[in-house]
């Protein structure tokens, strides 16, 4: 498993949107994305901490490889 990259909140949102998630709301600096029954909250920060990114990917059911492929092939 590759090491988690340092991504901004906007990059995480872009990657999740390319994987089928849609933005459904925002409260302050936290963006809510949904796909089917899965809801994920992403902080809109300059840098999302690696532990937070790992938790977001786990909640979304997305692998690191899938996320990086979505960001590089978009």
C-alpha atoms as a PDB file:
ATOM      1  CA  UNK A   1       0.000   0.000   0.000  1.00  0.00           C
ATOM      2  CA  UNK A   2       1.451   3.370  -0.990  1.00  0.00           C
ATOM      3  CA  UNK A   3       2.020   6.085   1.579  1.00  0.00           C
ATOM      4  CA  UNK A   4      -0.810   8.583   1.843  1.00  0.00           C
ATOM      5  CA  UNK A   5      -0.109  11.813  -0.043  1.00  0.00           C
ATOM      6  CA  UNK A   6      -0.689  15.296   1.325  1.00  0.00           C
ATOM      7  CA  UNK A   7      -3.787  16.630  -0.433  1.00  0.00           C
ATOM      8  CA  UNK A   8      -5.921  19.722  -0.013  1.00  0.00           C
ATOM      9  CA  UNK A   9      -9.598  19.425   0.830  1.00  0.00           C
ATOM     10  CA  UNK A  10     -10.514  20.539  -2.685  1.00  0.00           C
ATOM     11  CA  UNK A  11      -8.320  17.810  -4.202  1.00  0.00           C
ATOM     12  CA  UNK A  12     -10.005  15.186  -2.021  1.00  0.00           C
ATOM     13  CA  UNK A  13     -13.443  16.464  -3.069  1.00  0.00           C
ATOM     14  CA  UNK A  14     -12.423  16.434  -6.758  1.00  0.00           C
ATOM     15  CA  UNK A  15     -11.157  12.865  -6.504  1.00  0.00           C
ATOM     16  CA  UNK A  16     -14.294  11.646  -4.721  1.00  0.00           C
ATOM     17  CA  UNK A  17     -16.520  13.392  -7.276  1.00  0.00           C
ATOM     18  CA  UNK A  18     -14.698  11.565 -10.063  1.00  0.00           C
ATOM     19  CA  UNK A  19     -15.394   8.326  -8.181  1.00  0.00           C
ATOM     20  CA  UNK A  20     -19.142   8.944  -8.160  1.00  0.00           C
ATOM     21  CA  UNK A  21     -19.722  11.084  -5.076  1.00  0.00           C
ATOM     22  CA  UNK A  22     -21.767  14.279  -5.323  1.00  0.00           C
ATOM     23  CA  UNK A  23     -21.568  17.345  -3.129  1.00  0.00           C
ATOM     24  CA  UNK A  24     -24.822  17.661  -1.193  1.00  0.00           C
ATOM     25  CA  UNK A  25     -24.031  20.362   1.327  1.00  0.00           C
ATOM     26  CA  UNK A  26     -21.523  22.418   3.219  1.00  0.00           C
ATOM     27  CA  UNK A  27     -21.390  23.825   6.714  1.00  0.00           C
ATOM     28  CA  UNK A  28     -18.540  26.212   7.275  1.00  0.00           C
ATOM     29  CA  UNK A  29     -15.374  24.604   5.971  1.00  0.00           C
ATOM     30  CA  UNK A  30     -16.754  21.053   5.885  1.00  0.00           C
ATOM     31  CA  UNK A  31     -18.118  19.658   2.622  1.00  0.00           C
ATOM     32  CA  UNK A  32     -20.637  16.797   2.636  1.00  0.00           C
ATOM     33  CA  UNK A  33     -20.452  14.296  -0.240  1.00  0.00           C
ATOM     34  CA  UNK A  34     -22.790  11.381  -0.870  1.00  0.00           C
ATOM     35  CA  UNK A  35     -22.866   8.271  -3.082  1.00  0.00           C
ATOM     36  CA  UNK A  36     -25.811   5.876  -2.601  1.00  0.00           C
ATOM     37  CA  UNK A  37     -26.030   5.339   1.184  1.00  0.00           C
ATOM     38  CA  UNK A  38     -22.479   6.513   1.906  1.00  0.00           C
ATOM     39  CA  UNK A  39     -21.918  10.023   3.252  1.00  0.00           C
ATOM     40  CA  UNK A  40     -18.461  11.493   3.773  1.00  0.00           C
ATOM     41  CA  UNK A  41     -17.450  14.823   5.317  1.00  0.00           C
ATOM     42  CA  UNK A  42     -14.296  16.458   3.918  1.00  0.00           C
ATOM     43  CA  UNK A  43     -12.676  19.488   5.569  1.00  0.00           C
ATOM     44  CA  UNK A  44     -11.944  22.265   3.075  1.00  0.00           C
ATOM     45  CA  UNK A  45      -8.445  22.909   4.379  1.00  0.00           C
ATOM     46  CA  UNK A  46      -5.187  23.627   2.557  1.00  0.00           C
ATOM     47  CA  UNK A  47      -3.788  20.346   3.824  1.00  0.00           C
ATOM     48  CA  UNK A  48      -5.838  17.389   4.995  1.00  0.00           C
ATOM     49  CA  UNK A  49      -3.846  15.463   7.586  1.00  0.00           C
ATOM     50  CA  UNK A  50      -2.880  11.937   6.608  1.00  0.00           C
ATOM     51  CA  UNK A  51      -4.905  10.351   9.407  1.00  0.00           C
ATOM     52  CA  UNK A  52      -7.967  12.349   8.406  1.00  0.00           C
ATOM     53  CA  UNK A  53      -7.478  11.373   4.765  1.00  0.00           C
ATOM     54  CA  UNK A  54      -7.187   7.706   5.749  1.00  0.00           C
ATOM     55  CA  UNK A  55     -10.446   7.950   7.711  1.00  0.00           C
ATOM     56  CA  UNK A  56     -12.230   9.679   4.806  1.00  0.00           C
ATOM     57  CA  UNK A  57     -11.092   7.012   2.330  1.00  0.00           C
ATOM     58  CA  UNK A  58     -12.113   4.228   4.717  1.00  0.00           C
ATOM     59  CA  UNK A  59     -15.583   5.742   5.246  1.00  0.00           C
ATOM     60  CA  UNK A  60     -15.983   6.193   1.485  1.00  0.00           C
ATOM     61  CA  UNK A  61     -14.832   2.648   0.733  1.00  0.00           C
ATOM     62  CA  UNK A  62     -12.164   3.981  -1.628  1.00  0.00           C
ATOM     63  CA  UNK A  63      -8.577   2.745  -1.833  1.00  0.00           C
ATOM     64  CA  UNK A  64      -5.576   5.047  -2.008  1.00  0.00           C
ATOM     65  CA  UNK A  65      -4.813   3.708  -5.480  1.00  0.00           C
ATOM     66  CA  UNK A  66      -8.346   4.506  -6.700  1.00  0.00           C
ATOM     67  CA  UNK A  67      -8.124   8.036  -5.306  1.00  0.00           C
ATOM     68  CA  UNK A  68      -4.749   8.709  -6.902  1.00  0.00           C
ATOM     69  CA  UNK A  69      -5.937   7.267 -10.238  1.00  0.00           C
ATOM     70  CA  UNK A  70      -8.994   9.551 -10.134  1.00  0.00           C
ATOM     71  CA  UNK A  71      -6.804  12.588  -9.478  1.00  0.00           C
ATOM     72  CA  UNK A  72      -4.173  11.826 -12.115  1.00  0.00           C
ATOM     73  CA  UNK A  73      -6.442  10.544 -14.914  1.00  0.00           C
ATOM     74  CA  UNK A  74      -9.001  13.332 -14.681  1.00  0.00           C
END
